[in-house]
Amino acid sequence: YHQPFAMDVLLNDRLVTTVTVGLQPTP
């Protein structure tokens, strides 16, 4: 929303990956 975001994805409190989510659809 309104800007890109760096986003951590965690599974059961363990980091899986970090992705940058932009204004356009990010897979």
mmCIF file of all heavy atoms, coordinates in Angstrom:
data_MODEL
# 
_entry.id   MODEL 
# 
loop_
_atom_site.group_PDB 
_atom_site.id 
_atom_site.type_symbol 
_atom_site.label_atom_id 
_atom_site.label_alt_id 
_atom_site.label_comp_id 
_atom_site.label_asym_id 
_atom_site.label_entity_id 
_atom_site.label_seq_id 
_atom_site.pdbx_PDB_ins_code 
_atom_site.Cartn_x 
_atom_site.Cartn_y 
_atom_site.Cartn_z 
_atom_site.occupancy 
_atom_site.B_iso_or_equiv 
_atom_site.pdbx_formal_charge 
_atom_site.auth_seq_id 
_atom_site.auth_comp_id 
_atom_site.auth_asym_id 
_atom_site.auth_atom_id 
_atom_site.pdbx_PDB_model_num 
ATOM 1   N N   . TYR A 1 1  ? 0.836  -1.192  0.000   1.00 0.00 ? 1  TYR A N   1 
ATOM 2   C CA  . TYR A 1 1  ? 0.000  0.000   0.000   1.00 0.00 ? 1  TYR A CA  1 
ATOM 3   C C   . TYR A 1 1  ? 0.877  1.251   0.000   1.00 0.00 ? 1  TYR A C   1 
ATOM 4   O O   . TYR A 1 1  ? 1.683  1.457   0.923   1.00 0.00 ? 1  TYR A O   1 
ATOM 5   C CB  . TYR A 1 1  ? -0.926 0.038   1.213   1.00 0.00 ? 1  TYR A CB  1 
ATOM 6   C CG  . TYR A 1 1  ? -1.810 1.271   1.209   1.00 0.00 ? 1  TYR A CG  1 
ATOM 7   C CD1 . TYR A 1 1  ? -2.923 1.330   0.388   1.00 0.00 ? 1  TYR A CD1 1 
ATOM 8   C CD2 . TYR A 1 1  ? -1.484 2.387   1.973   1.00 0.00 ? 1  TYR A CD2 1 
ATOM 9   C CE1 . TYR A 1 1  ? -3.715 2.467   0.340   1.00 0.00 ? 1  TYR A CE1 1 
ATOM 10  C CE2 . TYR A 1 1  ? -2.267 3.525   1.933   1.00 0.00 ? 1  TYR A CE2 1 
ATOM 11  C CZ  . TYR A 1 1  ? -3.375 3.564   1.110   1.00 0.00 ? 1  TYR A CZ  1 
ATOM 12  O OH  . TYR A 1 1  ? -4.145 4.695   1.039   1.00 0.00 ? 1  TYR A OH  1 
ATOM 13  N N   . HIS A 1 2  ? 0.760  2.058   -1.041  1.00 0.00 ? 2  HIS A N   1 
ATOM 14  C CA  . HIS A 1 2  ? 1.365  3.394   -1.146  1.00 0.00 ? 2  HIS A CA  1 
ATOM 15  C C   . HIS A 1 2  ? 2.868  3.370   -1.351  1.00 0.00 ? 2  HIS A C   1 
ATOM 16  O O   . HIS A 1 2  ? 3.426  4.335   -1.870  1.00 0.00 ? 2  HIS A O   1 
ATOM 17  C CB  . HIS A 1 2  ? 1.019  4.234   0.094   1.00 0.00 ? 2  HIS A CB  1 
ATOM 18  C CG  . HIS A 1 2  ? 1.422  5.673   -0.018  1.00 0.00 ? 2  HIS A CG  1 
ATOM 19  N ND1 . HIS A 1 2  ? 0.829  6.534   -0.915  1.00 0.00 ? 2  HIS A ND1 1 
ATOM 20  C CD2 . HIS A 1 2  ? 2.372  6.399   0.641   1.00 0.00 ? 2  HIS A CD2 1 
ATOM 21  C CE1 . HIS A 1 2  ? 1.376  7.730   -0.805  1.00 0.00 ? 2  HIS A CE1 1 
ATOM 22  N NE2 . HIS A 1 2  ? 2.318  7.670   0.133   1.00 0.00 ? 2  HIS A NE2 1 
ATOM 23  N N   . GLN A 1 3  ? 3.561  2.293   -0.972  1.00 0.00 ? 3  GLN A N   1 
ATOM 24  C CA  . GLN A 1 3  ? 5.018  2.239   -1.054  1.00 0.00 ? 3  GLN A CA  1 
ATOM 25  C C   . GLN A 1 3  ? 5.463  0.776   -1.056  1.00 0.00 ? 3  GLN A C   1 
ATOM 26  O O   . GLN A 1 3  ? 4.688  -0.111  -0.685  1.00 0.00 ? 3  GLN A O   1 
ATOM 27  C CB  . GLN A 1 3  ? 5.642  2.956   0.151   1.00 0.00 ? 3  GLN A CB  1 
ATOM 28  C CG  . GLN A 1 3  ? 5.350  2.244   1.464   1.00 0.00 ? 3  GLN A CG  1 
ATOM 29  C CD  . GLN A 1 3  ? 5.898  2.961   2.685   1.00 0.00 ? 3  GLN A CD  1 
ATOM 30  O OE1 . GLN A 1 3  ? 5.773  4.176   2.806   1.00 0.00 ? 3  GLN A OE1 1 
ATOM 31  N NE2 . GLN A 1 3  ? 6.505  2.208   3.601   1.00 0.00 ? 3  GLN A NE2 1 
ATOM 32  N N   . PRO A 1 4  ? 6.706  0.512   -1.450  1.00 0.00 ? 4  PRO A N   1 
ATOM 33  C CA  . PRO A 1 4  ? 7.229  -0.849  -1.311  1.00 0.00 ? 4  PRO A CA  1 
ATOM 34  C C   . PRO A 1 4  ? 7.499  -1.177  0.154   1.00 0.00 ? 4  PRO A C   1 
ATOM 35  O O   . PRO A 1 4  ? 7.752  -0.294  0.977   1.00 0.00 ? 4  PRO A O   1 
ATOM 36  C CB  . PRO A 1 4  ? 8.538  -0.811  -2.114  1.00 0.00 ? 4  PRO A CB  1 
ATOM 37  C CG  . PRO A 1 4  ? 8.439  0.405   -2.977  1.00 0.00 ? 4  PRO A CG  1 
ATOM 38  C CD  . PRO A 1 4  ? 7.618  1.393   -2.202  1.00 0.00 ? 4  PRO A CD  1 
ATOM 39  N N   . PHE A 1 5  ? 7.464  -2.462  0.471   1.00 0.00 ? 5  PHE A N   1 
ATOM 40  C CA  . PHE A 1 5  ? 7.747  -2.945  1.821   1.00 0.00 ? 5  PHE A CA  1 
ATOM 41  C C   . PHE A 1 5  ? 8.712  -4.117  1.732   1.00 0.00 ? 5  PHE A C   1 
ATOM 42  O O   . PHE A 1 5  ? 8.553  -5.006  0.885   1.00 0.00 ? 5  PHE A O   1 
ATOM 43  C CB  . PHE A 1 5  ? 6.476  -3.421  2.523   1.00 0.00 ? 5  PHE A CB  1 
ATOM 44  C CG  . PHE A 1 5  ? 5.539  -2.327  2.942   1.00 0.00 ? 5  PHE A CG  1 
ATOM 45  C CD1 . PHE A 1 5  ? 4.584  -1.843  2.053   1.00 0.00 ? 5  PHE A CD1 1 
ATOM 46  C CD2 . PHE A 1 5  ? 5.599  -1.794  4.219   1.00 0.00 ? 5  PHE A CD2 1 
ATOM 47  C CE1 . PHE A 1 5  ? 3.715  -0.837  2.431   1.00 0.00 ? 5  PHE A CE1 1 
ATOM 48  C CE2 . PHE A 1 5  ? 4.723  -0.788  4.610   1.00 0.00 ? 5  PHE A CE2 1 
ATOM 49  C CZ  . PHE A 1 5  ? 3.780  -0.299  3.718   1.00 0.00 ? 5  PHE A CZ  1 
ATOM 50  N N   . ALA A 1 6  ? 9.732  -4.132  2.621   1.00 0.00 ? 6  ALA A N   1 
ATOM 51  C CA  . ALA A 1 6  ? 10.524 -5.337  2.834   1.00 0.00 ? 6  ALA A CA  1 
ATOM 52  C C   . ALA A 1 6  ? 9.751  -6.208  3.820   1.00 0.00 ? 6  ALA A C   1 
ATOM 53  O O   . ALA A 1 6  ? 9.314  -5.732  4.868   1.00 0.00 ? 6  ALA A O   1 
ATOM 54  C CB  . ALA A 1 6  ? 11.895 -4.990  3.390   1.00 0.00 ? 6  ALA A CB  1 
ATOM 55  N N   . MET A 1 7  ? 9.577  -7.474  3.468   1.00 0.00 ? 7  MET A N   1 
ATOM 56  C CA  . MET A 1 7  ? 8.724  -8.348  4.284   1.00 0.00 ? 7  MET A CA  1 
ATOM 57  C C   . MET A 1 7  ? 9.429  -9.659  4.609   1.00 0.00 ? 7  MET A C   1 
ATOM 58  O O   . MET A 1 7  ? 9.915  -10.354 3.716   1.00 0.00 ? 7  MET A O   1 
ATOM 59  C CB  . MET A 1 7  ? 7.421  -8.647  3.537   1.00 0.00 ? 7  MET A CB  1 
ATOM 60  C CG  . MET A 1 7  ? 6.448  -9.521  4.316   1.00 0.00 ? 7  MET A CG  1 
ATOM 61  S SD  . MET A 1 7  ? 4.911  -9.815  3.389   1.00 0.00 ? 7  MET A SD  1 
ATOM 62  C CE  . MET A 1 7  ? 5.485  -10.936 2.089   1.00 0.00 ? 7  MET A CE  1 
ATOM 63  N N   . ASP A 1 8  ? 9.509  -9.969  5.904   1.00 0.00 ? 8  ASP A N   1 
ATOM 64  C CA  . ASP A 1 8  ? 9.990  -11.270 6.354   1.00 0.00 ? 8  ASP A CA  1 
ATOM 65  C C   . ASP A 1 8  ? 8.838  -12.269 6.327   1.00 0.00 ? 8  ASP A C   1 
ATOM 66  O O   . ASP A 1 8  ? 7.711  -11.944 6.704   1.00 0.00 ? 8  ASP A O   1 
ATOM 67  C CB  . ASP A 1 8  ? 10.526 -11.198 7.786   1.00 0.00 ? 8  ASP A CB  1 
ATOM 68  C CG  . ASP A 1 8  ? 11.806 -10.388 7.909   1.00 0.00 ? 8  ASP A CG  1 
ATOM 69  O OD1 . ASP A 1 8  ? 12.520 -10.254 6.908   1.00 0.00 ? 8  ASP A OD1 1 
ATOM 70  O OD2 . ASP A 1 8  ? 12.075 -9.895  9.024   1.00 0.00 ? 8  ASP A OD2 1 
ATOM 71  N N   . VAL A 1 9  ? 9.140  -13.477 5.876   1.00 0.00 ? 9  VAL A N   1 
ATOM 72  C CA  . VAL A 1 9  ? 8.185  -14.584 5.965   1.00 0.00 ? 9  VAL A CA  1 
ATOM 73  C C   . VAL A 1 9  ? 8.780  -15.597 6.942   1.00 0.00 ? 9  VAL A C   1 
ATOM 74  O O   . VAL A 1 9  ? 9.895  -16.075 6.744   1.00 0.00 ? 9  VAL A O   1 
ATOM 75  C CB  . VAL A 1 9  ? 7.944  -15.235 4.589   1.00 0.00 ? 9  VAL A CB  1 
ATOM 76  C CG1 . VAL A 1 9  ? 6.941  -16.372 4.710   1.00 0.00 ? 9  VAL A CG1 1 
ATOM 77  C CG2 . VAL A 1 9  ? 7.468  -14.198 3.579   1.00 0.00 ? 9  VAL A CG2 1 
ATOM 78  N N   . LEU A 1 10 ? 8.050  -15.878 8.006   1.00 0.00 ? 10 LEU A N   1 
ATOM 79  C CA  . LEU A 1 10 ? 8.528  -16.788 9.042   1.00 0.00 ? 10 LEU A CA  1 
ATOM 80  C C   . LEU A 1 10 ? 7.567  -17.958 9.193   1.00 0.00 ? 10 LEU A C   1 
ATOM 81  O O   . LEU A 1 10 ? 6.347  -17.783 9.140   1.00 0.00 ? 10 LEU A O   1 
ATOM 82  C CB  . LEU A 1 10 ? 8.661  -16.069 10.390  1.00 0.00 ? 10 LEU A CB  1 
ATOM 83  C CG  . LEU A 1 10 ? 9.549  -14.824 10.426  1.00 0.00 ? 10 LEU A CG  1 
ATOM 84  C CD1 . LEU A 1 10 ? 8.697  -13.563 10.344  1.00 0.00 ? 10 LEU A CD1 1 
ATOM 85  C CD2 . LEU A 1 10 ? 10.395 -14.797 11.687  1.00 0.00 ? 10 LEU A CD2 1 
ATOM 86  N N   . LEU A 1 11 ? 8.125  -19.134 9.376   1.00 0.00 ? 11 LEU A N   1 
ATOM 87  C CA  . LEU A 1 11 ? 7.332  -20.334 9.650   1.00 0.00 ? 11 LEU A CA  1 
ATOM 88  C C   . LEU A 1 11 ? 7.671  -20.818 11.040  1.00 0.00 ? 11 LEU A C   1 
ATOM 89  O O   . LEU A 1 11 ? 8.829  -21.160 11.321  1.00 0.00 ? 11 LEU A O   1 
ATOM 90  C CB  . LEU A 1 11 ? 7.612  -21.431 8.623   1.00 0.00 ? 11 LEU A CB  1 
ATOM 91  C CG  . LEU A 1 11 ? 6.873  -22.753 8.845   1.00 0.00 ? 11 LEU A CG  1 
ATOM 92  C CD1 . LEU A 1 11 ? 5.362  -22.562 8.708   1.00 0.00 ? 11 LEU A CD1 1 
ATOM 93  C CD2 . LEU A 1 11 ? 7.359  -23.829 7.875   1.00 0.00 ? 11 LEU A CD2 1 
ATOM 94  N N   . ASN A 1 12 ? 6.687  -20.803 11.928  1.00 0.00 ? 12 ASN A N   1 
ATOM 95  C CA  . ASN A 1 12 ? 6.908  -21.209 13.321  1.00 0.00 ? 12 ASN A CA  1 
ATOM 96  C C   . ASN A 1 12 ? 8.103  -20.481 13.923  1.00 0.00 ? 12 ASN A C   1 
ATOM 97  O O   . ASN A 1 12 ? 8.977  -21.076 14.559  1.00 0.00 ? 12 ASN A O   1 
ATOM 98  C CB  . ASN A 1 12 ? 7.071  -22.726 13.408  1.00 0.00 ? 12 ASN A CB  1 
ATOM 99  C CG  . ASN A 1 12 ? 5.833  -23.463 12.947  1.00 0.00 ? 12 ASN A CG  1 
ATOM 100 O OD1 . ASN A 1 12 ? 4.711  -22.986 13.105  1.00 0.00 ? 12 ASN A OD1 1 
ATOM 101 N ND2 . ASN A 1 12 ? 6.024  -24.634 12.339  1.00 0.00 ? 12 ASN A ND2 1 
ATOM 102 N N   . ASP A 1 13 ? 8.130  -19.156 13.672  1.00 0.00 ? 13 ASP A N   1 
ATOM 103 C CA  . ASP A 1 13 ? 9.135  -18.227 14.214  1.00 0.00 ? 13 ASP A CA  1 
ATOM 104 C C   . ASP A 1 13 ? 10.519 -18.398 13.603  1.00 0.00 ? 13 ASP A C   1 
ATOM 105 O O   . ASP A 1 13 ? 11.482 -17.788 14.089  1.00 0.00 ? 13 ASP A O   1 
ATOM 106 C CB  . ASP A 1 13 ? 9.230  -18.342 15.746  1.00 0.00 ? 13 ASP A CB  1 
ATOM 107 C CG  . ASP A 1 13 ? 7.954  -17.898 16.446  1.00 0.00 ? 13 ASP A CG  1 
ATOM 108 O OD1 . ASP A 1 13 ? 7.311  -16.950 15.961  1.00 0.00 ? 13 ASP A OD1 1 
ATOM 109 O OD2 . ASP A 1 13 ? 7.609  -18.507 17.476  1.00 0.00 ? 13 ASP A OD2 1 
ATOM 110 N N   . ARG A 1 14 ? 10.644 -19.153 12.545  1.00 0.00 ? 14 ARG A N   1 
ATOM 111 C CA  . ARG A 1 14 ? 11.927 -19.282 11.848  1.00 0.00 ? 14 ARG A CA  1 
ATOM 112 C C   . ARG A 1 14 ? 11.835 -18.587 10.494  1.00 0.00 ? 14 ARG A C   1 
ATOM 113 O O   . ARG A 1 14 ? 10.884 -18.804 9.744   1.00 0.00 ? 14 ARG A O   1 
ATOM 114 C CB  . ARG A 1 14 ? 12.302 -20.753 11.659  1.00 0.00 ? 14 ARG A CB  1 
ATOM 115 C CG  . ARG A 1 14 ? 12.572 -21.471 12.973  1.00 0.00 ? 14 ARG A CG  1 
ATOM 116 C CD  . ARG A 1 14 ? 13.043 -22.897 12.725  1.00 0.00 ? 14 ARG A CD  1 
ATOM 117 N NE  . ARG A 1 14 ? 13.344 -23.585 13.968  1.00 0.00 ? 14 ARG A NE  1 
ATOM 118 C CZ  . ARG A 1 14 ? 13.801 -24.830 14.047  1.00 0.00 ? 14 ARG A CZ  1 
ATOM 119 N NH1 . ARG A 1 14 ? 13.995 -25.532 12.929  1.00 0.00 ? 14 ARG A NH1 1 
ATOM 120 N NH2 . ARG A 1 14 ? 14.052 -25.371 15.225  1.00 0.00 ? 14 ARG A NH2 1 
ATOM 121 N N   . LEU A 1 15 ? 12.841 -17.767 10.185  1.00 0.00 ? 15 LEU A N   1 
ATOM 122 C CA  . LEU A 1 15 ? 12.827 -17.005 8.943   1.00 0.00 ? 15 LEU A CA  1 
ATOM 123 C C   . LEU A 1 15 ? 12.935 -17.938 7.743   1.00 0.00 ? 15 LEU A C   1 
ATOM 124 O O   . LEU A 1 15 ? 13.846 -18.756 7.652   1.00 0.00 ? 15 LEU A O   1 
ATOM 125 C CB  . LEU A 1 15 ? 13.989 -15.999 8.935   1.00 0.00 ? 15 LEU A CB  1 
ATOM 126 C CG  . LEU A 1 15 ? 14.071 -15.079 7.720   1.00 0.00 ? 15 LEU A CG  1 
ATOM 127 C CD1 . LEU A 1 15 ? 12.873 -14.136 7.666   1.00 0.00 ? 15 LEU A CD1 1 
ATOM 128 C CD2 . LEU A 1 15 ? 15.375 -14.285 7.745   1.00 0.00 ? 15 LEU A CD2 1 
ATOM 129 N N   . VAL A 1 16 ? 11.986 -17.791 6.822   1.00 0.00 ? 16 VAL A N   1 
ATOM 130 C CA  . VAL A 1 16 ? 12.009 -18.557 5.577   1.00 0.00 ? 16 VAL A CA  1 
ATOM 131 C C   . VAL A 1 16 ? 12.673 -17.743 4.476   1.00 0.00 ? 16 VAL A C   1 
ATOM 132 O O   . VAL A 1 16 ? 13.548 -18.224 3.764   1.00 0.00 ? 16 VAL A O   1 
ATOM 133 C CB  . VAL A 1 16 ? 10.580 -18.947 5.152   1.00 0.00 ? 16 VAL A CB  1 
ATOM 134 C CG1 . VAL A 1 16 ? 10.585 -19.646 3.794   1.00 0.00 ? 16 VAL A CG1 1 
ATOM 135 C CG2 . VAL A 1 16 ? 9.933  -19.829 6.204   1.00 0.00 ? 16 VAL A CG2 1 
ATOM 136 N N   . THR A 1 17 ? 12.270 -16.488 4.333   1.00 0.00 ? 17 THR A N   1 
ATOM 137 C CA  . THR A 1 17 ? 12.830 -15.618 3.298   1.00 0.00 ? 17 THR A CA  1 
ATOM 138 C C   . THR A 1 17 ? 12.438 -14.182 3.607   1.00 0.00 ? 17 THR A C   1 
ATOM 139 O O   . THR A 1 17 ? 11.542 -13.922 4.424   1.00 0.00 ? 17 THR A O   1 
ATOM 140 C CB  . THR A 1 17 ? 12.308 -16.025 1.897   1.00 0.00 ? 17 THR A CB  1 
ATOM 141 O OG1 . THR A 1 17 ? 12.997 -15.271 0.895   1.00 0.00 ? 17 THR A OG1 1 
ATOM 142 C CG2 . THR A 1 17 ? 10.815 -15.763 1.774   1.00 0.00 ? 17 THR A CG2 1 
ATOM 143 N N   . THR A 1 18 ? 13.120 -13.251 2.951   1.00 0.00 ? 18 THR A N   1 
ATOM 144 C CA  . THR A 1 18 ? 12.755 -11.839 2.987   1.00 0.00 ? 18 THR A CA  1 
ATOM 145 C C   . THR A 1 18 ? 12.567 -11.379 1.551   1.00 0.00 ? 18 THR A C   1 
ATOM 146 O O   . THR A 1 18 ? 13.428 -11.624 0.703   1.00 0.00 ? 18 THR A O   1 
ATOM 147 C CB  . THR A 1 18 ? 13.837 -10.986 3.670   1.00 0.00 ? 18 THR A CB  1 
ATOM 148 O OG1 . THR A 1 18 ? 14.014 -11.441 5.022   1.00 0.00 ? 18 THR A OG1 1 
ATOM 149 C CG2 . THR A 1 18 ? 13.441 -9.511  3.691   1.00 0.00 ? 18 THR A CG2 1 
ATOM 150 N N   . VAL A 1 19 ? 11.437 -10.751 1.278   1.00 0.00 ? 19 VAL A N   1 
ATOM 151 C CA  . VAL A 1 19 ? 11.123 -10.309 -0.079  1.00 0.00 ? 19 VAL A CA  1 
ATOM 152 C C   . VAL A 1 19 ? 10.752 -8.834  -0.043  1.00 0.00 ? 19 VAL A C   1 
ATOM 153 O O   . VAL A 1 19 ? 10.327 -8.301  0.989   1.00 0.00 ? 19 VAL A O   1 
ATOM 154 C CB  . VAL A 1 19 ? 9.967  -11.126 -0.701  1.00 0.00 ? 19 VAL A CB  1 
ATOM 155 C CG1 . VAL A 1 19 ? 10.342 -12.584 -0.827  1.00 0.00 ? 19 VAL A CG1 1 
ATOM 156 C CG2 . VAL A 1 19 ? 8.698  -10.983 0.132   1.00 0.00 ? 19 VAL A CG2 1 
ATOM 157 N N   . THR A 1 20 ? 10.940 -8.184  -1.186  1.00 0.00 ? 20 THR A N   1 
ATOM 158 C CA  . THR A 1 20 ? 10.476 -6.811  -1.338  1.00 0.00 ? 20 THR A CA  1 
ATOM 159 C C   . THR A 1 20 ? 9.160  -6.829  -2.097  1.00 0.00 ? 20 THR A C   1 
ATOM 160 O O   . THR A 1 20 ? 9.084  -7.350  -3.214  1.00 0.00 ? 20 THR A O   1 
ATOM 161 C CB  . THR A 1 20 ? 11.507 -5.960  -2.093  1.00 0.00 ? 20 THR A CB  1 
ATOM 162 O OG1 . THR A 1 20 ? 12.727 -5.918  -1.338  1.00 0.00 ? 20 THR A OG1 1 
ATOM 163 C CG2 . THR A 1 20 ? 10.993 -4.536  -2.279  1.00 0.00 ? 20 THR A CG2 1 
ATOM 164 N N   . VAL A 1 21 ? 8.133  -6.301  -1.467  1.00 0.00 ? 21 VAL A N   1 
ATOM 165 C CA  . VAL A 1 21 ? 6.795  -6.268  -2.063  1.00 0.00 ? 21 VAL A CA  1 
ATOM 166 C C   . VAL A 1 21 ? 6.531  -4.853  -2.564  1.00 0.00 ? 21 VAL A C   1 
ATOM 167 O O   . VAL A 1 21 ? 6.501  -3.907  -1.770  1.00 0.00 ? 21 VAL A O   1 
ATOM 168 C CB  . VAL A 1 21 ? 5.717  -6.684  -1.043  1.00 0.00 ? 21 VAL A CB  1 
ATOM 169 C CG1 . VAL A 1 21 ? 4.337  -6.607  -1.668  1.00 0.00 ? 21 VAL A CG1 1 
ATOM 170 C CG2 . VAL A 1 21 ? 5.997  -8.087  -0.525  1.00 0.00 ? 21 VAL A CG2 1 
ATOM 171 N N   . GLY A 1 22 ? 6.373  -4.714  -3.884  1.00 0.00 ? 22 GLY A N   1 
ATOM 172 C CA  . GLY A 1 22 ? 6.170  -3.404  -4.474  1.00 0.00 ? 22 GLY A CA  1 
ATOM 173 C C   . GLY A 1 22 ? 4.704  -3.065  -4.638  1.00 0.00 ? 22 GLY A C   1 
ATOM 174 O O   . GLY A 1 22 ? 3.814  -3.782  -4.183  1.00 0.00 ? 22 GLY A O   1 
ATOM 175 N N   . LEU A 1 23 ? 4.462  -1.960  -5.320  1.00 0.00 ? 23 LEU A N   1 
ATOM 176 C CA  . LEU A 1 23 ? 3.086  -1.550  -5.584  1.00 0.00 ? 23 LEU A CA  1 
ATOM 177 C C   . LEU A 1 23 ? 2.431  -2.443  -6.632  1.00 0.00 ? 23 LEU A C   1 
ATOM 178 O O   . LEU A 1 23 ? 1.214  -2.630  -6.626  1.00 0.00 ? 23 LEU A O   1 
ATOM 179 C CB  . LEU A 1 23 ? 3.050  -0.089  -6.045  1.00 0.00 ? 23 LEU A CB  1 
ATOM 180 C CG  . LEU A 1 23 ? 3.574  0.938   -5.030  1.00 0.00 ? 23 LEU A CG  1 
ATOM 181 C CD1 . LEU A 1 23 ? 3.509  2.341   -5.626  1.00 0.00 ? 23 LEU A CD1 1 
ATOM 182 C CD2 . LEU A 1 23 ? 2.777  0.876   -3.742  1.00 0.00 ? 23 LEU A CD2 1 
ATOM 183 N N   . GLN A 1 24 ? 3.234  -2.976  -7.533  1.00 0.00 ? 24 GLN A N   1 
ATOM 184 C CA  . GLN A 1 24 ? 2.724  -3.916  -8.524  1.00 0.00 ? 24 GLN A CA  1 
ATOM 185 C C   . GLN A 1 24 ? 2.719  -5.326  -7.933  1.00 0.00 ? 24 GLN A C   1 
ATOM 186 O O   . GLN A 1 24 ? 3.473  -5.622  -6.992  1.00 0.00 ? 24 GLN A O   1 
ATOM 187 C CB  . GLN A 1 24 ? 3.588  -3.883  -9.789  1.00 0.00 ? 24 GLN A CB  1 
ATOM 188 C CG  . GLN A 1 24 ? 3.591  -2.536  -10.490 1.00 0.00 ? 24 GLN A CG  1 
ATOM 189 C CD  . GLN A 1 24 ? 2.195  -2.120  -10.915 1.00 0.00 ? 24 GLN A CD  1 
ATOM 190 O OE1 . GLN A 1 24 ? 1.435  -2.914  -11.470 1.00 0.00 ? 24 GLN A OE1 1 
ATOM 191 N NE2 . GLN A 1 24 ? 1.842  -0.865  -10.650 1.00 0.00 ? 24 GLN A NE2 1 
ATOM 192 N N   . PRO A 1 25 ? 1.872  -6.208  -8.434  1.00 0.00 ? 25 PRO A N   1 
ATOM 193 C CA  . PRO A 1 25 ? 1.798  -7.563  -7.881  1.00 0.00 ? 25 PRO A CA  1 
ATOM 194 C C   . PRO A 1 25 ? 3.159  -8.255  -7.838  1.00 0.00 ? 25 PRO A C   1 
ATOM 195 O O   . PRO A 1 25 ? 3.903  -8.269  -8.818  1.00 0.00 ? 25 PRO A O   1 
ATOM 196 C CB  . PRO A 1 25 ? 0.839  -8.270  -8.849  1.00 0.00 ? 25 PRO A CB  1 
ATOM 197 C CG  . PRO A 1 25 ? -0.034 -7.170  -9.374  1.00 0.00 ? 25 PRO A CG  1 
ATOM 198 C CD  . PRO A 1 25 ? 0.876  -5.982  -9.500  1.00 0.00 ? 25 PRO A CD  1 
ATOM 199 N N   . THR A 1 26 ? 3.477  -8.808  -6.669  1.00 0.00 ? 26 THR A N   1 
ATOM 200 C CA  . THR A 1 26 ? 4.744  -9.495  -6.431  1.00 0.00 ? 26 THR A CA  1 
ATOM 201 C C   . THR A 1 26 ? 4.459  -10.959 -6.152  1.00 0.00 ? 26 THR A C   1 
ATOM 202 O O   . THR A 1 26 ? 3.726  -11.279 -5.200  1.00 0.00 ? 26 THR A O   1 
ATOM 203 C CB  . THR A 1 26 ? 5.470  -8.878  -5.228  1.00 0.00 ? 26 THR A CB  1 
ATOM 204 O OG1 . THR A 1 26 ? 5.697  -7.477  -5.455  1.00 0.00 ? 26 THR A OG1 1 
ATOM 205 C CG2 . THR A 1 26 ? 6.800  -9.580  -4.977  1.00 0.00 ? 26 THR A CG2 1 
ATOM 206 N N   . PRO A 1 27 ? 5.004  -11.888 -6.952  1.00 0.00 ? 27 PRO A N   1 
ATOM 207 C CA  . PRO A 1 27 ? 4.726  -13.308 -6.700  1.00 0.00 ? 27 PRO A CA  1 
ATOM 208 C C   . PRO A 1 27 ? 5.495  -13.828 -5.490  1.00 0.00 ? 27 PRO A C   1 
ATOM 209 O O   . PRO A 1 27 ? 6.650  -13.455 -5.252  1.00 0.00 ? 27 PRO A O   1 
ATOM 210 C CB  . PRO A 1 27 ? 5.197  -13.992 -7.987  1.00 0.00 ? 27 PRO A CB  1 
ATOM 211 C CG  . PRO A 1 27 ? 6.240  -13.068 -8.550  1.00 0.00 ? 27 PRO A CG  1 
ATOM 212 C CD  . PRO A 1 27 ? 5.827  -11.678 -8.166  1.00 0.00 ? 27 PRO A CD  1 
# 
